[in-house]
C-alpha atoms as a PDB file:
ATOM      1  CA  MET A   1    -159.761 185.872  21.800  1.00  0.00           C
ATOM      2  CA  LEU A   2    -156.095 186.708  21.849  1.00  0.00           C
ATOM      3  CA  VAL A   3    -156.515 188.547  18.544  1.00  0.00           C
ATOM      4  CA  LEU A   4    -159.317 190.625  20.002  1.00  0.00           C
ATOM      5  CA  ILE A   5    -157.251 191.622  23.054  1.00  0.00           C
ATOM      6  CA  CYS A   6    -154.233 192.533  20.904  1.00  0.00           C
ATOM      7  CA  SER A   7    -156.405 194.593  18.559  1.00  0.00           C
ATOM      8  CA  PHE A   8    -157.929 196.477  21.486  1.00  0.00           C
ATOM      9  CA  ALA A   9    -154.497 197.199  22.974  1.00  0.00           C
ATOM     10  CA  LEU A  10    -153.198 198.428  19.624  1.00  0.00           C
ATOM     11  CA  VAL A  11    -156.169 200.786  19.167  1.00  0.00           C
ATOM     12  CA  CYS A  12    -155.703 202.194  22.672  1.00  0.00           C
ATOM     13  CA  LEU A  13    -152.013 202.797  22.207  1.00  0.00           C
ATOM     14  CA  ALA A  14    -152.360 204.369  18.752  1.00  0.00           C
ATOM     15  CA  GLY A  15    -155.506 206.391  19.518  1.00  0.00           C
ATOM     16  CA  CYS A  16    -154.277 208.261  22.593  1.00  0.00           C
ATOM     17  CA  PRO A  17    -151.799 210.894  21.436  1.00  0.00           C
ATOM     18  CA  SER A  18    -149.751 212.711  23.984  1.00  0.00           C
ATOM     19  CA  GLY A  19    -148.420 216.285  23.841  1.00  0.00           C
ATOM     20  CA  GLN A  20    -149.928 219.560  22.670  1.00  0.00           C
ATOM     21  CA  ALA A  21    -152.471 219.864  19.878  1.00  0.00           C
ATOM     22  CA  VAL A  22    -151.524 223.532  19.232  1.00  0.00           C
ATOM     23  CA  LYS A  23    -148.616 224.178  16.917  1.00  0.00           C
ATOM     24  CA  SER A  24    -145.804 226.364  18.152  1.00  0.00           C
ATOM     25  CA  ASP A  25    -144.420 229.170  15.985  1.00  0.00           C
ATOM     26  CA  SER A  26    -141.594 226.955  14.848  1.00  0.00           C
ATOM     27  CA  GLU A  27    -144.064 224.286  13.746  1.00  0.00           C
ATOM     28  CA  LEU A  28    -146.181 226.575  11.557  1.00  0.00           C
ATOM     29  CA  THR A  29    -146.405 225.423   7.996  1.00  0.00           C
ATOM     30  CA  THR A  30    -145.521 227.676   5.107  1.00  0.00           C
ATOM     31  CA  GLN A  31    -149.240 228.066   4.391  1.00  0.00           C
ATOM     32  CA  ASP A  32    -149.909 229.131   7.984  1.00  0.00           C
ATOM     33  CA  GLN A  33    -147.046 231.629   7.829  1.00  0.00           C
ATOM     34  CA  LEU A  34    -148.335 233.112   4.556  1.00  0.00           C
ATOM     35  CA  ALA A  35    -151.845 233.479   6.006  1.00  0.00           C
ATOM     36  CA  ALA A  36    -150.456 235.241   9.085  1.00  0.00           C
ATOM     37  CA  GLU A  37    -148.332 237.558   6.922  1.00  0.00           C
ATOM     38  CA  GLU A  38    -151.335 238.399   4.719  1.00  0.00           C
ATOM     39  CA  ALA A  39    -153.469 239.202   7.784  1.00  0.00           C
ATOM     40  CA  THR A  40    -150.719 241.451   9.170  1.00  0.00           C
ATOM     41  CA  ALA A  41    -150.279 243.197   5.821  1.00  0.00           C
ATOM     42  CA  LEU A  42    -154.038 243.726   5.535  1.00  0.00           C
ATOM     43  CA  ALA A  43    -154.205 245.204   9.030  1.00  0.00           C
ATOM     44  CA  GLU A  44    -151.271 247.528   8.259  1.00  0.00           C
ATOM     45  CA  GLU A  45    -152.861 248.624   4.956  1.00  0.00           C
ATOM     46  CA  THR A  46    -156.173 249.318   6.694  1.00  0.00           C
ATOM     47  CA  ALA A  47    -154.373 251.406   9.322  1.00  0.00           C
ATOM     48  CA  ARG A  48    -152.518 253.363   6.590  1.00  0.00           C
ATOM     49  CA  GLU A  49    -155.761 253.992   4.693  1.00  0.00           C
ATOM     50  CA  GLN A  50    -157.493 255.192   7.879  1.00  0.00           C
ATOM     51  CA  ALA A  51    -154.599 257.531   8.685  1.00  0.00           C
ATOM     52  CA  LEU A  52    -154.652 258.921   5.130  1.00  0.00           C
ATOM     53  CA  LEU A  53    -158.422 259.441   5.300  1.00  0.00           C
ATOM     54  CA  GLU A  54    -158.085 261.284   8.615  1.00  0.00           C
ATOM     55  CA  GLU A  55    -155.301 263.447   7.160  1.00  0.00           C
ATOM     56  CA  LEU A  56    -157.356 264.297   4.059  1.00  0.00           C
ATOM     57  CA  LEU A  57    -160.433 265.124   6.139  1.00  0.00           C
ATOM     58  CA  ALA A  58    -158.347 267.396   8.377  1.00  0.00           C
ATOM     59  CA  GLU A  59    -156.991 269.101   5.250  1.00  0.00           C
ATOM     60  CA  ALA A  60    -160.509 269.489   3.810  1.00  0.00           C
ATOM     61  CA  ASP A  61    -161.764 270.844   7.134  1.00  0.00           C
ATOM     62  CA  SER A  62    -159.384 273.767   6.686  1.00  0.00           C
ATOM     63  CA  PHE A  63    -161.608 275.332   4.018  1.00  0.00           C
ATOM     64  CA  ASN A  64    -163.043 278.439   5.601  1.00  0.00           C
ATOM     65  CA  ASN A  65    -166.633 279.496   5.620  1.00  0.00           C
ATOM     66  CA  ILE A  66    -167.421 282.118   3.040  1.00  0.00           C
ATOM     67  CA  HIS A  67    -169.402 285.166   4.133  1.00  0.00           C
ATOM     68  CA  PHE A  68    -172.015 287.387   2.543  1.00  0.00           C
ATOM     69  CA  ALA A  69    -173.216 290.952   2.831  1.00  0.00           C
ATOM     70  CA  PHE A  70    -176.609 291.627   4.403  1.00  0.00           C
ATOM     71  CA  ASP A  71    -179.459 290.345   2.240  1.00  0.00           C
ATOM     72  CA  LYS A  72    -177.026 289.255  -0.545  1.00  0.00           C
ATOM     73  CA  TYR A  73    -175.826 286.016  -2.076  1.00  0.00           C
ATOM     74  CA  ASP A  74    -173.121 287.485  -4.344  1.00  0.00           C
ATOM     75  CA  LEU A  75    -169.652 285.943  -4.039  1.00  0.00           C
ATOM     76  CA  ASN A  76    -166.929 288.448  -3.157  1.00  0.00           C
ATOM     77  CA  LEU A  77    -163.262 288.056  -4.110  1.00  0.00           C
ATOM     78  CA  GLU A  78    -162.341 286.331  -0.843  1.00  0.00           C
ATOM     79  CA  SER A  79    -165.209 283.850  -1.292  1.00  0.00           C
ATOM     80  CA  ARG A  80    -164.162 283.086  -4.871  1.00  0.00           C
ATOM     81  CA  ASN A  81    -160.586 282.459  -3.665  1.00  0.00           C
ATOM     82  CA  VAL A  82    -161.774 279.981  -1.026  1.00  0.00           C
ATOM     83  CA  LEU A  83    -164.035 278.266  -3.563  1.00  0.00           C
ATOM     84  CA  GLY A  84    -161.129 278.096  -6.022  1.00  0.00           C
ATOM     85  CA  LEU A  85    -159.013 276.254  -3.458  1.00  0.00           C
ATOM     86  CA  LEU A  86    -161.907 273.933  -2.651  1.00  0.00           C
ATOM     87  CA  ALA A  87    -162.459 273.222  -6.371  1.00  0.00           C
ATOM     88  CA  GLU A  88    -158.782 272.336  -6.848  1.00  0.00           C
ATOM     89  CA  TRP A  89    -158.880 270.054  -3.819  1.00  0.00           C
ATOM     90  CA  LEU A  90    -162.050 268.274  -4.966  1.00  0.00           C
ATOM     91  CA  GLN A  91    -160.641 267.772  -8.459  1.00  0.00           C
ATOM     92  CA  GLU A  92    -157.450 266.328  -6.999  1.00  0.00           C
ATOM     93  CA  HIS A  93    -159.342 264.096  -4.551  1.00  0.00           C
ATOM     94  CA  THR A  94    -162.040 262.656  -6.795  1.00  0.00           C
ATOM     95  CA  ASP A  95    -163.276 260.223  -4.157  1.00  0.00           C
ATOM     96  CA  PHE A  96    -164.670 263.042  -1.987  1.00  0.00           C
ATOM     97  CA  ASN A  97    -167.911 265.032  -2.136  1.00  0.00           C
ATOM     98  CA  VAL A  98    -169.009 268.263  -0.471  1.00  0.00           C
ATOM     99  CA  THR A  99    -172.190 269.556   1.109  1.00  0.00           C
ATOM    100  CA  ILE A 100    -172.614 273.323   1.117  1.00  0.00           C
ATOM    101  CA  GLU A 101    -174.727 274.648   3.986  1.00  0.00           C
ATOM    102  CA  GLY A 102    -176.306 278.067   3.444  1.00  0.00           C
ATOM    103  CA  HIS A 103    -176.847 280.199   6.579  1.00  0.00           C
ATOM    104  CA  CYS A 104    -178.297 283.629   7.416  1.00  0.00           C
ATOM    105  CA  ASP A 105    -178.473 285.967  10.361  1.00  0.00           C
ATOM    106  CA  ASP A 106    -181.703 286.087  12.369  1.00  0.00           C
ATOM    107  CA  ARG A 107    -183.180 289.157  10.753  1.00  0.00           C
ATOM    108  CA  GLY A 108    -186.016 288.398   8.335  1.00  0.00           C
ATOM    109  CA  THR A 109    -188.685 285.731   8.379  1.00  0.00           C
ATOM    110  CA  ILE A 110    -187.898 282.050   8.651  1.00  0.00           C
ATOM    111  CA  ALA A 111    -189.130 281.408   5.107  1.00  0.00           C
ATOM    112  CA  TYR A 112    -187.150 284.333   3.689  1.00  0.00           C
ATOM    113  CA  ASN A 113    -183.955 283.246   5.445  1.00  0.00           C
ATOM    114  CA  LEU A 114    -184.339 279.648   4.268  1.00  0.00           C
ATOM    115  CA  ALA A 115    -184.688 280.891   0.681  1.00  0.00           C
ATOM    116  CA  LEU A 116    -181.704 283.245   1.052  1.00  0.00           C
ATOM    117  CA  GLY A 117    -179.579 280.459   2.563  1.00  0.00           C
ATOM    118  CA  GLU A 118    -180.510 278.268  -0.394  1.00  0.00           C
ATOM    119  CA  ARG A 119    -179.508 281.001  -2.881  1.00  0.00           C
ATOM    120  CA  ARG A 120    -176.170 281.391  -1.073  1.00  0.00           C
ATOM    121  CA  ALA A 121    -175.448 277.662  -1.199  1.00  0.00           C
ATOM    122  CA  ASP A 122    -176.541 277.484  -4.850  1.00  0.00           C
ATOM    123  CA  ALA A 123    -174.269 280.418  -5.749  1.00  0.00           C
ATOM    124  CA  ALA A 124    -171.272 278.593  -4.270  1.00  0.00           C
ATOM    125  CA  LYS A 125    -172.247 275.357  -6.038  1.00  0.00           C
ATOM    126  CA  ALA A 126    -172.610 277.145  -9.381  1.00  0.00           C
ATOM    127  CA  TYR A 127    -169.158 278.695  -8.936  1.00  0.00           C
ATOM    128  CA  LEU A 128    -167.591 275.300  -8.136  1.00  0.00           C
ATOM    129  CA  VAL A 129    -169.271 273.738 -11.172  1.00  0.00           C
ATOM    130  CA  ASN A 130    -168.020 276.636 -13.301  1.00  0.00           C
ATOM    131  CA  LEU A 131    -164.507 275.794 -12.060  1.00  0.00           C
ATOM    132  CA  GLY A 132    -164.901 272.202 -13.251  1.00  0.00           C
ATOM    133  CA  VAL A 133    -166.207 270.310 -10.223  1.00  0.00           C
ATOM    134  CA  THR A 134    -168.853 267.767 -11.212  1.00  0.00           C
ATOM    135  CA  GLY A 135    -172.261 268.931 -10.008  1.00  0.00           C
ATOM    136  CA  GLY A 136    -173.107 265.452  -8.712  1.00  0.00           C
ATOM    137  CA  LYS A 137    -170.301 265.767  -6.150  1.00  0.00           C
ATOM    138  CA  ILE A 138    -171.947 268.819  -4.576  1.00  0.00           C
ATOM    139  CA  ALA A 139    -175.046 268.856  -2.381  1.00  0.00           C
ATOM    140  CA  THR A 140    -176.638 271.987  -0.943  1.00  0.00           C
ATOM    141  CA  ILE A 141    -178.856 272.610   2.044  1.00  0.00           C
ATOM    142  CA  SER A 142    -180.215 275.759   3.645  1.00  0.00           C
ATOM    143  CA  TYR A 143    -180.467 276.177   7.380  1.00  0.00           C
ATOM    144  CA  GLY A 144    -181.569 279.799   7.207  1.00  0.00           C
ATOM    145  CA  GLU A 145    -181.138 281.311  10.648  1.00  0.00           C
ATOM    146  CA  GLU A 146    -181.472 278.018  12.534  1.00  0.00           C
ATOM    147  CA  LEU A 147    -177.796 277.233  13.229  1.00  0.00           C
ATOM    148  CA  PRO A 148    -176.018 280.452  14.115  1.00  0.00           C
ATOM    149  CA  VAL A 149    -172.294 280.441  14.777  1.00  0.00           C
ATOM    150  CA  ASP A 150    -172.775 283.407  17.094  1.00  0.00           C
ATOM    151  CA  PRO A 151    -176.227 283.733  18.725  1.00  0.00           C
ATOM    152  CA  ARG A 152    -175.766 287.332  19.874  1.00  0.00           C
ATOM    153  CA  ASN A 153    -177.820 290.157  18.375  1.00  0.00           C
ATOM    154  CA  THR A 154    -174.927 292.344  17.249  1.00  0.00           C
ATOM    155  CA  PRO A 155    -173.631 293.416  13.838  1.00  0.00           C
ATOM    156  CA  ALA A 156    -170.478 291.339  14.364  1.00  0.00           C
ATOM    157  CA  ALA A 157    -172.546 288.231  15.164  1.00  0.00           C
ATOM    158  CA  TRP A 158    -174.824 288.801  12.186  1.00  0.00           C
ATOM    159  CA  ALA A 159    -171.775 289.042   9.894  1.00  0.00           C
ATOM    160  CA  LYS A 160    -170.442 285.705  11.181  1.00  0.00           C
ATOM    161  CA  ASN A 161    -173.798 284.017  10.652  1.00  0.00           C
ATOM    162  CA  ARG A 162    -174.237 285.108   7.006  1.00  0.00           C
ATOM    163  CA  ARG A 163    -172.176 282.270   5.565  1.00  0.00           C
ATOM    164  CA  ASP A 164    -171.789 279.104   3.565  1.00  0.00           C
ATOM    165  CA  HIS A 165    -170.197 276.232   5.443  1.00  0.00           C
ATOM    166  CA  PHE A 166    -168.519 273.287   3.659  1.00  0.00           C
ATOM    167  CA  ILE A 167    -168.612 269.677   4.779  1.00  0.00           C
ATOM    168  CA  VAL A 168    -166.240 267.467   2.785  1.00  0.00           C
ATOM    169  CA  PHE A 169    -166.653 263.714   3.079  1.00  0.00           C
ATOM    170  CA  PRO A 170    -165.554 260.526   1.275  1.00  0.00           C
ATOM    171  CA  GLN A 171    -167.865 258.961  -1.278  1.00  0.00           C
ATOM    172  CA  LYS A 172    -169.428 255.675  -0.333  1.00  0.00           C
ATOM    173  CA  GLN A 173    -167.678 252.857  -2.134  1.00  0.00           C
END
């Protein structure tokens, strides 16, 4: 019986730890410190990558719309210059793609304007491909007259609406 009582007392004394179960910073093991450093480095790298992506997208957003003459889809000198800059940028930043949106003014039928917007977007795509941009990086869409920049019925508004608009975005990884 005495052995049983002593055993019980020993288990109680040894099994009831006192103090905190959470380690303080000074008690962290080398492995814990390395894991914390890796998590911090990963968070910093993610923040740097996000900042770089935002900077590149802001830079890409600076590419101007190109404009067209009434009922035309020919690229003028100014349009070719803008497309040349866009081509250089896309070749330098190979992890980005572009969508070219073709737009028209509101004169003409819906079907005609959709077709003209498509020809405008295709003309810009063909020029970019001719400059060396891979065709698979370029998508086109025509909105015809549906998304005007300026909804007024004036010659100045019509000129603004006859355009290609560029949307540059990162490729999905």
